[in-house]
C-alpha atoms as a PDB file:
ATOM      1  CA  MET A   1     105.004 232.380 103.640  1.00  0.00           C
ATOM      2  CA  THR A   2     105.622 232.671  99.891  1.00  0.00           C
ATOM      3  CA  ASN A   3     108.712 231.002  98.530  1.00  0.00           C
ATOM      4  CA  ARG A   4     109.977 233.010  95.573  1.00  0.00           C
ATOM      5  CA  SER A   5     113.416 231.460  95.752  1.00  0.00           C
ATOM      6  CA  VAL A   6     115.137 229.606  92.935  1.00  0.00           C
ATOM      7  CA  VAL A   7     117.411 227.943  95.482  1.00  0.00           C
ATOM      8  CA  THR A   8     116.181 224.484  96.510  1.00  0.00           C
ATOM      9  CA  THR A   9     119.236 223.256  98.427  1.00  0.00           C
ATOM     10  CA  PHE A  10     121.801 225.035 100.569  1.00  0.00           C
ATOM     11  CA  ILE A  11     125.373 224.055 101.404  1.00  0.00           C
ATOM     12  CA  LEU A  12     126.500 224.707 104.989  1.00  0.00           C
ATOM     13  CA  SER A  13     130.197 225.569 104.902  1.00  0.00           C
ATOM     14  CA  GLY A  14     130.825 224.781 108.583  1.00  0.00           C
ATOM     15  CA  LEU A  15     133.371 226.218 110.994  1.00  0.00           C
ATOM     16  CA  PRO A  16     136.388 228.126 109.683  1.00  0.00           C
ATOM     17  CA  ASN A  17     139.340 225.859 110.451  1.00  0.00           C
ATOM     18  CA  MET A  18     142.268 224.016 108.907  1.00  0.00           C
ATOM     19  CA  PRO A  19     141.170 220.698 107.308  1.00  0.00           C
ATOM     20  CA  GLU A  20     143.694 218.728 109.365  1.00  0.00           C
ATOM     21  CA  LEU A  21     141.792 219.735 112.522  1.00  0.00           C
ATOM     22  CA  ASP A  22     138.444 218.357 111.302  1.00  0.00           C
ATOM     23  CA  THR A  23     138.869 214.936 112.925  1.00  0.00           C
ATOM     24  CA  LEU A  24     139.953 216.414 116.259  1.00  0.00           C
ATOM     25  CA  LEU A  25     137.093 218.946 116.293  1.00  0.00           C
ATOM     26  CA  PHE A  26     134.617 216.229 115.286  1.00  0.00           C
ATOM     27  CA  GLY A  27     135.685 214.120 118.276  1.00  0.00           C
ATOM     28  CA  ILE A  28     135.538 217.054 120.709  1.00  0.00           C
ATOM     29  CA  PHE A  29     132.124 218.287 119.605  1.00  0.00           C
ATOM     30  CA  LEU A  30     130.713 214.754 119.454  1.00  0.00           C
ATOM     31  CA  VAL A  31     131.753 214.138 123.087  1.00  0.00           C
ATOM     32  CA  ILE A  32     130.290 217.505 124.142  1.00  0.00           C
ATOM     33  CA  TYR A  33     127.024 216.732 122.341  1.00  0.00           C
ATOM     34  CA  VAL A  34     126.708 213.279 123.941  1.00  0.00           C
ATOM     35  CA  LEU A  35     127.417 214.740 127.404  1.00  0.00           C
ATOM     36  CA  THR A  36     124.851 217.499 126.777  1.00  0.00           C
ATOM     37  CA  VAL A  37     122.125 215.051 125.759  1.00  0.00           C
ATOM     38  CA  VAL A  38     122.876 212.596 128.589  1.00  0.00           C
ATOM     39  CA  GLY A  39     123.152 215.385 131.187  1.00  0.00           C
ATOM     40  CA  ASN A  40     119.880 217.044 130.253  1.00  0.00           C
ATOM     41  CA  LEU A  41     118.014 213.733 129.950  1.00  0.00           C
ATOM     42  CA  LEU A  42     119.331 212.760 133.379  1.00  0.00           C
ATOM     43  CA  ILE A  43     118.052 216.004 134.894  1.00  0.00           C
ATOM     44  CA  LEU A  44     114.623 215.558 133.291  1.00  0.00           C
ATOM     45  CA  MET A  45     114.431 211.987 134.635  1.00  0.00           C
ATOM     46  CA  VAL A  46     115.529 212.953 138.156  1.00  0.00           C
ATOM     47  CA  ILE A  47     113.098 215.874 138.436  1.00  0.00           C
ATOM     48  CA  THR A  48     110.246 213.730 137.075  1.00  0.00           C
ATOM     49  CA  VAL A  49     110.718 210.706 139.360  1.00  0.00           C
ATOM     50  CA  ASP A  50     111.418 212.503 142.655  1.00  0.00           C
ATOM     51  CA  PRO A  51     108.391 214.252 144.266  1.00  0.00           C
ATOM     52  CA  HIS A  52     110.696 216.365 146.476  1.00  0.00           C
ATOM     53  CA  LEU A  53     111.933 218.146 143.347  1.00  0.00           C
ATOM     54  CA  HIS A  54     108.451 219.159 142.227  1.00  0.00           C
ATOM     55  CA  THR A  55     109.059 222.786 143.195  1.00  0.00           C
ATOM     56  CA  PRO A  56     108.995 226.021 141.139  1.00  0.00           C
ATOM     57  CA  MET A  57     112.786 226.141 140.786  1.00  0.00           C
ATOM     58  CA  TYR A  58     113.047 222.598 139.456  1.00  0.00           C
ATOM     59  CA  TYR A  59     109.966 223.076 137.302  1.00  0.00           C
ATOM     60  CA  PHE A  60     111.771 225.882 135.459  1.00  0.00           C
ATOM     61  CA  LEU A  61     115.011 223.887 135.410  1.00  0.00           C
ATOM     62  CA  SER A  62     113.222 220.981 133.733  1.00  0.00           C
ATOM     63  CA  ASN A  63     111.999 223.411 131.070  1.00  0.00           C
ATOM     64  CA  LEU A  64     115.569 224.656 130.638  1.00  0.00           C
ATOM     65  CA  SER A  65     116.919 221.109 130.278  1.00  0.00           C
ATOM     66  CA  PHE A  66     114.270 220.272 127.688  1.00  0.00           C
ATOM     67  CA  ILE A  67     115.169 223.409 125.707  1.00  0.00           C
ATOM     68  CA  ASP A  68     118.920 222.723 125.905  1.00  0.00           C
ATOM     69  CA  LEU A  69     118.430 219.135 124.806  1.00  0.00           C
ATOM     70  CA  TRP A  70     116.745 220.260 121.579  1.00  0.00           C
ATOM     71  CA  PHE A  71     118.687 223.517 121.159  1.00  0.00           C
ATOM     72  CA  SER A  72     121.897 221.509 120.919  1.00  0.00           C
ATOM     73  CA  THR A  73     120.263 218.882 118.693  1.00  0.00           C
ATOM     74  CA  VAL A  74     119.090 221.523 116.209  1.00  0.00           C
ATOM     75  CA  THR A  75     122.633 222.729 115.433  1.00  0.00           C
ATOM     76  CA  VAL A  76     125.392 220.344 116.558  1.00  0.00           C
ATOM     77  CA  PRO A  77     124.597 217.306 114.328  1.00  0.00           C
ATOM     78  CA  LYS A  78     124.778 219.545 111.248  1.00  0.00           C
ATOM     79  CA  MET A  79     128.052 220.982 112.515  1.00  0.00           C
ATOM     80  CA  LEU A  80     129.433 217.448 112.850  1.00  0.00           C
ATOM     81  CA  MET A  81     128.352 216.655 109.291  1.00  0.00           C
ATOM     82  CA  THR A  82     130.220 219.709 107.956  1.00  0.00           C
ATOM     83  CA  LEU A  83     133.373 218.481 109.719  1.00  0.00           C
ATOM     84  CA  VAL A  84     133.278 215.137 107.896  1.00  0.00           C
ATOM     85  CA  SER A  85     132.330 216.700 104.542  1.00  0.00           C
ATOM     86  CA  PRO A  86     135.141 218.852 103.099  1.00  0.00           C
ATOM     87  CA  GLU A  87     132.755 220.362 100.520  1.00  0.00           C
ATOM     88  CA  GLY A  88     130.172 221.252 103.188  1.00  0.00           C
ATOM     89  CA  SER A  89     126.904 219.662 104.265  1.00  0.00           C
ATOM     90  CA  ALA A  90     123.791 219.920 102.082  1.00  0.00           C
ATOM     91  CA  ILE A  91     120.446 220.960 103.585  1.00  0.00           C
ATOM     92  CA  SER A  92     117.150 221.289 101.720  1.00  0.00           C
ATOM     93  CA  PHE A  93     115.190 224.543 101.638  1.00  0.00           C
ATOM     94  CA  PRO A  94     112.349 223.244 103.910  1.00  0.00           C
ATOM     95  CA  SER A  95     114.888 221.782 106.351  1.00  0.00           C
ATOM     96  CA  CYS A  96     116.730 225.098 106.447  1.00  0.00           C
ATOM     97  CA  VAL A  97     113.476 226.940 107.218  1.00  0.00           C
ATOM     98  CA  ALA A  98     112.670 224.420 109.966  1.00  0.00           C
ATOM     99  CA  GLN A  99     116.166 224.685 111.434  1.00  0.00           C
ATOM    100  CA  LEU A 100     116.126 228.497 111.522  1.00  0.00           C
ATOM    101  CA  TYR A 101     112.652 228.524 113.098  1.00  0.00           C
ATOM    102  CA  SER A 102     113.603 225.884 115.694  1.00  0.00           C
ATOM    103  CA  PHE A 103     116.877 227.623 116.505  1.00  0.00           C
ATOM    104  CA  HIS A 104     115.303 231.024 117.162  1.00  0.00           C
ATOM    105  CA  PHE A 105     112.263 229.472 118.858  1.00  0.00           C
ATOM    106  CA  LEU A 106     114.356 227.536 121.372  1.00  0.00           C
ATOM    107  CA  GLY A 107     116.967 230.289 121.733  1.00  0.00           C
ATOM    108  CA  SER A 108     114.477 233.084 122.451  1.00  0.00           C
ATOM    109  CA  THR A 109     112.447 230.816 124.754  1.00  0.00           C
ATOM    110  CA  GLU A 110     115.633 230.113 126.717  1.00  0.00           C
ATOM    111  CA  CYS A 111     116.274 233.853 126.860  1.00  0.00           C
ATOM    112  CA  PHE A 112     112.807 234.466 128.352  1.00  0.00           C
ATOM    113  CA  LEU A 113     113.221 231.496 130.684  1.00  0.00           C
ATOM    114  CA  TYR A 114     116.480 232.874 132.132  1.00  0.00           C
ATOM    115  CA  THR A 115     114.513 236.018 132.993  1.00  0.00           C
ATOM    116  CA  VAL A 116     111.761 234.040 134.718  1.00  0.00           C
ATOM    117  CA  MET A 117     114.311 231.921 136.614  1.00  0.00           C
ATOM    118  CA  SER A 118     116.151 234.997 137.896  1.00  0.00           C
ATOM    119  CA  TYR A 119     112.818 236.425 139.077  1.00  0.00           C
ATOM    120  CA  ASP A 120     111.998 233.120 140.790  1.00  0.00           C
ATOM    121  CA  ARG A 121     115.342 233.133 142.664  1.00  0.00           C
ATOM    122  CA  PHE A 122     114.820 236.790 143.590  1.00  0.00           C
ATOM    123  CA  LEU A 123     111.456 235.979 145.184  1.00  0.00           C
ATOM    124  CA  ALA A 124     112.836 232.897 146.954  1.00  0.00           C
ATOM    125  CA  ILE A 125     115.703 234.837 148.553  1.00  0.00           C
ATOM    126  CA  SER A 126     114.013 238.192 149.155  1.00  0.00           C
ATOM    127  CA  TYR A 127     110.562 236.950 150.239  1.00  0.00           C
ATOM    128  CA  PRO A 128     111.086 233.439 151.676  1.00  0.00           C
ATOM    129  CA  LEU A 129     107.902 233.478 153.780  1.00  0.00           C
ATOM    130  CA  ARG A 130     105.640 234.577 150.907  1.00  0.00           C
ATOM    131  CA  TYR A 131     107.482 232.666 148.194  1.00  0.00           C
ATOM    132  CA  THR A 132     105.244 229.578 148.158  1.00  0.00           C
ATOM    133  CA  SER A 133     102.058 231.611 147.748  1.00  0.00           C
ATOM    134  CA  MET A 134     103.618 233.987 145.194  1.00  0.00           C
ATOM    135  CA  MET A 135     104.995 231.157 143.007  1.00  0.00           C
ATOM    136  CA  SER A 136     102.050 228.773 143.016  1.00  0.00           C
ATOM    137  CA  GLY A 137     101.731 225.940 140.532  1.00  0.00           C
ATOM    138  CA  ARG A 138      99.320 228.018 138.425  1.00  0.00           C
ATOM    139  CA  THR A 139     101.709 230.993 138.368  1.00  0.00           C
ATOM    140  CA  CYS A 140     104.619 228.762 137.318  1.00  0.00           C
ATOM    141  CA  ALA A 141     102.556 227.221 134.508  1.00  0.00           C
ATOM    142  CA  ILE A 142     101.478 230.669 133.254  1.00  0.00           C
ATOM    143  CA  LEU A 143     105.060 231.981 133.298  1.00  0.00           C
ATOM    144  CA  ALA A 144     106.430 228.896 131.506  1.00  0.00           C
ATOM    145  CA  THR A 145     103.652 228.955 128.894  1.00  0.00           C
ATOM    146  CA  THR A 146     104.286 232.653 128.286  1.00  0.00           C
ATOM    147  CA  THR A 147     107.981 232.022 127.623  1.00  0.00           C
ATOM    148  CA  TRP A 148     107.194 229.288 125.073  1.00  0.00           C
ATOM    149  CA  LEU A 149     104.522 231.348 123.284  1.00  0.00           C
ATOM    150  CA  SER A 150     106.758 234.440 123.221  1.00  0.00           C
ATOM    151  CA  GLY A 151     109.612 232.388 121.785  1.00  0.00           C
ATOM    152  CA  SER A 152     107.343 230.961 119.115  1.00  0.00           C
ATOM    153  CA  LEU A 153     106.120 234.430 118.083  1.00  0.00           C
ATOM    154  CA  HIS A 154     109.634 235.861 118.017  1.00  0.00           C
ATOM    155  CA  SER A 155     110.891 232.995 115.863  1.00  0.00           C
ATOM    156  CA  ALA A 156     107.950 233.251 113.455  1.00  0.00           C
ATOM    157  CA  VAL A 157     108.835 236.904 112.811  1.00  0.00           C
ATOM    158  CA  GLN A 158     112.515 236.062 112.259  1.00  0.00           C
ATOM    159  CA  THR A 159     111.792 233.159 109.908  1.00  0.00           C
ATOM    160  CA  THR A 160     109.187 235.026 107.868  1.00  0.00           C
ATOM    161  CA  LEU A 161     111.436 238.071 107.408  1.00  0.00           C
ATOM    162  CA  THR A 162     114.370 235.900 106.382  1.00  0.00           C
ATOM    163  CA  PHE A 163     112.658 233.712 103.783  1.00  0.00           C
ATOM    164  CA  ARG A 164     110.205 236.223 102.291  1.00  0.00           C
ATOM    165  CA  LEU A 165     112.997 237.544 100.054  1.00  0.00           C
ATOM    166  CA  PRO A 166     113.977 235.859  96.749  1.00  0.00           C
ATOM    167  CA  LEU A 167     117.169 233.847  97.207  1.00  0.00           C
ATOM    168  CA  CYS A 168     118.899 233.631  93.854  1.00  0.00           C
ATOM    169  CA  GLY A 169     122.190 232.183  94.970  1.00  0.00           C
ATOM    170  CA  PRO A 170     124.913 231.270  95.410  1.00  0.00           C
ATOM    171  CA  ASN A 171     123.527 228.570  97.666  1.00  0.00           C
ATOM    172  CA  GLN A 172     126.461 228.323 100.102  1.00  0.00           C
ATOM    173  CA  ILE A 173     125.677 229.487 103.649  1.00  0.00           C
ATOM    174  CA  GLN A 174     128.790 230.660 105.472  1.00  0.00           C
ATOM    175  CA  HIS A 175     127.837 228.976 108.744  1.00  0.00           C
ATOM    176  CA  TYR A 176     127.344 225.529 110.273  1.00  0.00           C
ATOM    177  CA  PHE A 177     123.572 226.004 110.577  1.00  0.00           C
ATOM    178  CA  CYS A 178     120.847 228.081 108.925  1.00  0.00           C
ATOM    179  CA  ASP A 179     120.715 231.518 110.527  1.00  0.00           C
ATOM    180  CA  ALA A 180     119.254 234.830 109.391  1.00  0.00           C
ATOM    181  CA  PRO A 181     122.383 236.980 108.783  1.00  0.00           C
ATOM    182  CA  PRO A 182     124.229 234.542 106.444  1.00  0.00           C
ATOM    183  CA  ILE A 183     121.008 233.637 104.592  1.00  0.00           C
ATOM    184  CA  LEU A 184     120.130 237.301 103.940  1.00  0.00           C
ATOM    185  CA  LYS A 185     123.474 237.625 102.154  1.00  0.00           C
ATOM    186  CA  LEU A 186     122.156 235.197  99.513  1.00  0.00           C
ATOM    187  CA  ALA A 187     119.149 237.386  98.681  1.00  0.00           C
ATOM    188  CA  CYS A 188     118.956 239.106  95.284  1.00  0.00           C
ATOM    189  CA  ALA A 189     116.947 242.041  96.695  1.00  0.00           C
ATOM    190  CA  ASP A 190     117.458 244.904  99.112  1.00  0.00           C
ATOM    191  CA  THR A 191     117.731 243.440 102.620  1.00  0.00           C
ATOM    192  CA  SER A 192     118.205 246.691 104.589  1.00  0.00           C
ATOM    193  CA  ALA A 193     114.596 246.787 105.862  1.00  0.00           C
ATOM    194  CA  ASN A 194     114.736 243.111 106.871  1.00  0.00           C
ATOM    195  CA  GLU A 195     118.052 243.575 108.646  1.00  0.00           C
ATOM    196  CA  LEU A 196     116.722 246.591 110.527  1.00  0.00           C
ATOM    197  CA  VAL A 197     113.579 244.769 111.722  1.00  0.00           C
ATOM    198  CA  ILE A 198     115.600 241.685 112.714  1.00  0.00           C
ATOM    199  CA  PHE A 199     118.093 243.941 114.510  1.00  0.00           C
ATOM    200  CA  VAL A 200     115.303 245.666 116.458  1.00  0.00           C
ATOM    201  CA  ASN A 201     113.452 242.386 117.132  1.00  0.00           C
ATOM    202  CA  ILE A 202     116.489 240.591 118.552  1.00  0.00           C
ATOM    203  CA  GLY A 203     117.684 243.769 120.252  1.00  0.00           C
ATOM    204  CA  VAL A 204     114.437 244.223 122.145  1.00  0.00           C
ATOM    205  CA  VAL A 205     114.363 240.564 123.256  1.00  0.00           C
ATOM    206  CA  ALA A 206     118.042 240.254 124.241  1.00  0.00           C
ATOM    207  CA  SER A 207     118.491 243.655 125.881  1.00  0.00           C
ATOM    208  CA  GLY A 208     115.043 243.528 127.505  1.00  0.00           C
ATOM    209  CA  CYS A 209     115.693 240.134 129.095  1.00  0.00           C
ATOM    210  CA  PHE A 210     119.203 241.109 130.181  1.00  0.00           C
ATOM    211  CA  LEU A 211     117.999 244.365 131.767  1.00  0.00           C
ATOM    212  CA  LEU A 212     115.347 242.417 133.687  1.00  0.00           C
ATOM    213  CA  ILE A 213     117.816 239.751 134.819  1.00  0.00           C
ATOM    214  CA  MET A 214     120.463 242.133 136.170  1.00  0.00           C
ATOM    215  CA  PRO A 215     118.247 243.872 138.817  1.00  0.00           C
ATOM    216  CA  SER A 216     117.200 240.441 140.106  1.00  0.00           C
ATOM    217  CA  TYR A 217     120.828 239.393 140.603  1.00  0.00           C
ATOM    218  CA  VAL A 218     121.702 242.770 142.154  1.00  0.00           C
ATOM    219  CA  SER A 219     118.881 242.223 144.671  1.00  0.00           C
ATOM    220  CA  ILE A 220     120.075 238.663 145.268  1.00  0.00           C
ATOM    221  CA  VAL A 221     123.629 239.897 145.952  1.00  0.00           C
ATOM    222  CA  HIS A 222     122.218 242.516 148.328  1.00  0.00           C
ATOM    223  CA  SER A 223     120.368 239.750 150.211  1.00  0.00           C
ATOM    224  CA  ILE A 224     123.501 237.562 150.252  1.00  0.00           C
ATOM    225  CA  LEU A 225     125.476 240.358 151.921  1.00  0.00           C
ATOM    226  CA  LYS A 226     123.027 240.181 154.824  1.00  0.00           C
ATOM    227  CA  ILE A 227     123.973 236.549 155.533  1.00  0.00           C
ATOM    228  CA  ARG A 228     125.840 236.529 158.837  1.00  0.00           C
ATOM    229  CA  THR A 229     128.282 233.654 158.333  1.00  0.00           C
ATOM    230  CA  SER A 230     131.177 234.103 155.902  1.00  0.00           C
ATOM    231  CA  GLU A 231     130.852 230.471 154.786  1.00  0.00           C
ATOM    232  CA  GLY A 232     127.192 230.982 153.905  1.00  0.00           C
ATOM    233  CA  ARG A 233     127.973 234.187 152.018  1.00  0.00           C
ATOM    234  CA  TRP A 234     130.796 232.517 150.082  1.00  0.00           C
ATOM    235  CA  ARG A 235     128.634 229.553 149.078  1.00  0.00           C
ATOM    236  CA  ALA A 236     125.813 231.843 147.948  1.00  0.00           C
ATOM    237  CA  PHE A 237     128.247 234.038 146.009  1.00  0.00           C
ATOM    238  CA  GLN A 238     129.689 230.972 144.251  1.00  0.00           C
ATOM    239  CA  THR A 239     126.223 229.898 143.135  1.00  0.00           C
ATOM    240  CA  CYS A 240     125.272 233.410 142.043  1.00  0.00           C
ATOM    241  CA  ALA A 241     128.576 233.873 140.158  1.00  0.00           C
ATOM    242  CA  SER A 242     128.235 230.559 138.299  1.00  0.00           C
ATOM    243  CA  HIS A 243     124.682 231.458 137.250  1.00  0.00           C
ATOM    244  CA  CYS A 244     125.874 234.862 136.003  1.00  0.00           C
ATOM    245  CA  ILE A 245     128.665 233.226 133.980  1.00  0.00           C
ATOM    246  CA  VAL A 246     126.153 230.967 132.185  1.00  0.00           C
ATOM    247  CA  VAL A 247     123.852 233.934 131.480  1.00  0.00           C
ATOM    248  CA  LEU A 248     126.794 235.949 130.100  1.00  0.00           C
ATOM    249  CA  CYS A 249     127.929 232.989 127.944  1.00  0.00           C
ATOM    250  CA  PHE A 250     124.469 233.004 126.385  1.00  0.00           C
ATOM    251  CA  PHE A 251     123.758 236.732 126.027  1.00  0.00           C
ATOM    252  CA  VAL A 252     127.177 238.211 125.143  1.00  0.00           C
ATOM    253  CA  PRO A 253     127.705 236.071 121.980  1.00  0.00           C
ATOM    254  CA  CYS A 254     124.112 236.812 120.874  1.00  0.00           C
ATOM    255  CA  VAL A 255     124.645 240.561 121.254  1.00  0.00           C
ATOM    256  CA  PHE A 256     128.032 240.305 119.516  1.00  0.00           C
ATOM    257  CA  ILE A 257     126.613 238.479 116.478  1.00  0.00           C
ATOM    258  CA  TYR A 258     123.227 240.112 115.996  1.00  0.00           C
ATOM    259  CA  LEU A 259     123.512 243.614 117.440  1.00  0.00           C
ATOM    260  CA  ARG A 260     126.872 244.917 116.286  1.00  0.00           C
ATOM    261  CA  PRO A 261     127.315 246.931 113.073  1.00  0.00           C
ATOM    262  CA  GLY A 262     128.972 244.951 110.301  1.00  0.00           C
ATOM    263  CA  SER A 263     129.573 241.229 110.283  1.00  0.00           C
ATOM    264  CA  LYS A 264     132.655 239.035 110.070  1.00  0.00           C
ATOM    265  CA  GLU A 265     131.427 235.607 109.034  1.00  0.00           C
ATOM    266  CA  ALA A 266     134.399 233.585 110.301  1.00  0.00           C
ATOM    267  CA  MET A 267     134.335 235.258 113.719  1.00  0.00           C
ATOM    268  CA  ASP A 268     130.543 234.923 114.012  1.00  0.00           C
ATOM    269  CA  ARG A 269     130.741 231.188 113.443  1.00  0.00           C
ATOM    270  CA  VAL A 270     133.345 230.738 116.159  1.00  0.00           C
ATOM    271  CA  VAL A 271     131.483 232.951 118.661  1.00  0.00           C
ATOM    272  CA  ALA A 272     128.215 231.079 117.972  1.00  0.00           C
ATOM    273  CA  VAL A 273     129.836 227.927 119.412  1.00  0.00           C
ATOM    274  CA  PHE A 274     129.557 229.461 122.895  1.00  0.00           C
ATOM    275  CA  TYR A 275     125.745 229.548 122.985  1.00  0.00           C
ATOM    276  CA  THR A 276     124.960 226.658 120.629  1.00  0.00           C
ATOM    277  CA  VAL A 277     127.441 224.122 122.059  1.00  0.00           C
ATOM    278  CA  MET A 278     128.875 225.271 125.383  1.00  0.00           C
ATOM    279  CA  THR A 279     125.829 226.795 127.138  1.00  0.00           C
ATOM    280  CA  PRO A 280     123.622 223.661 126.751  1.00  0.00           C
ATOM    281  CA  LEU A 281     126.483 221.680 128.347  1.00  0.00           C
ATOM    282  CA  LEU A 282     127.110 224.172 131.161  1.00  0.00           C
ATOM    283  CA  ASN A 283     123.480 224.560 132.207  1.00  0.00           C
ATOM    284  CA  PRO A 284     123.040 221.013 133.625  1.00  0.00           C
ATOM    285  CA  VAL A 285     126.318 221.303 135.539  1.00  0.00           C
ATOM    286  CA  VAL A 286     125.845 224.817 136.938  1.00  0.00           C
ATOM    287  CA  TYR A 287     122.129 224.836 137.660  1.00  0.00           C
ATOM    288  CA  THR A 288     121.409 221.258 138.668  1.00  0.00           C
ATOM    289  CA  LEU A 289     124.184 218.657 138.933  1.00  0.00           C
ATOM    290  CA  ARG A 290     126.040 220.804 141.524  1.00  0.00           C
ATOM    291  CA  ASN A 291     122.888 220.912 143.629  1.00  0.00           C
ATOM    292  CA  LYS A 292     122.896 218.811 146.821  1.00  0.00           C
ATOM    293  CA  GLU A 293     119.261 217.722 146.421  1.00  0.00           C
ATOM    294  CA  VAL A 294     119.889 216.452 142.902  1.00  0.00           C
ATOM    295  CA  LYS A 295     123.076 214.680 144.011  1.00  0.00           C
ATOM    296  CA  LYS A 296     121.109 212.854 146.730  1.00  0.00           C
ATOM    297  CA  VAL A 297     118.506 211.675 144.227  1.00  0.00           C
ATOM    298  CA  LEU A 298     121.216 210.531 141.800  1.00  0.00           C
ATOM    299  CA  LEU A 299     122.931 208.542 144.585  1.00  0.00           C
ATOM    300  CA  LYS A 300     119.606 206.921 145.495  1.00  0.00           C
ATOM    301  CA  LEU A 301     119.013 205.963 141.866  1.00  0.00           C
ATOM    302  CA  LYS A 302     122.551 204.583 141.608  1.00  0.00           C
ATOM    303  CA  ASP A 303     122.059 202.500 144.775  1.00  0.00           C
ATOM    304  CA  LYS A 304     118.779 201.128 143.390  1.00  0.00           C
ATOM    305  CA  VAL A 305     120.468 200.144 140.134  1.00  0.00           C
ATOM    306  CA  VAL A 306     123.385 198.479 141.967  1.00  0.00           C
ATOM    307  CA  TYR A 307     120.958 196.661 144.289  1.00  0.00           C
ATOM    308  CA  SER A 308     118.798 195.394 141.425  1.00  0.00           C
ATOM    309  CA  GLN A 309     121.873 194.155 139.529  1.00  0.00           C
ATOM    310  CA  SER A 310     123.237 192.338 142.582  1.00  0.00           C
ATOM    311  CA  LYS A 311     120.072 190.263 142.911  1.00  0.00           C
END
């Protein structure tokens, strides 16, 4: 990648808000970030230490927790810094490149992983007798590796297209992290071709994943309707609905920001909070911490800690 830019440092302007709300927002987002990190670390620990959770579903969930842990870490600390700096938070050119690459790498990998997880649940519910043989350890590893490699390739394209243009200033990015649309507005060259390729690239990934996820959930709902007991159907519907809400919280803001004509910077920054801050917090709660098996393991770990302290 050739850097023809005369800009060496960027200023992240942060969220659009009244200055008197900075302290309140800092406290709220700091608490959310801490809960996100602790929640995802807890899930990774539980899945690692308990052999009963070494199944395809939890294998993919551990990947999701790892992604969410870093996805939140890539953006939220910089957001917090903008809230305590009225003039904005400075970020060097290499750090901005690294942040944009990491953001799109983790975000697109999560997008692919949602697709794989929906397929995994579809197989588990629709083909329970053949599920174990269809989702072997080797198959799970191949699917997970494919999601990470695809995310890396997607992000490399995004980052290269964004920073190949000369950036002549001003150096203020109208966002709380380095992202392609606000950075392209700093370019002193025609960005129409770059915007079109980025639009198509993100459009193919987001719409492709979403169109693959929806049939899986439709099939899952169809299988749920066959459950004889109303209590069983209601419980399954609750789980399915909560999963769909998390998927929508991730995909809808992405489509709104990257795939709509025109751009309103202030609105984009607010909408981005949903998938950079809220989704990494919701995932541990919806996918794992509500699960009975995980709750049992957590209670066992708590009892062990209490017993060891009482000695």
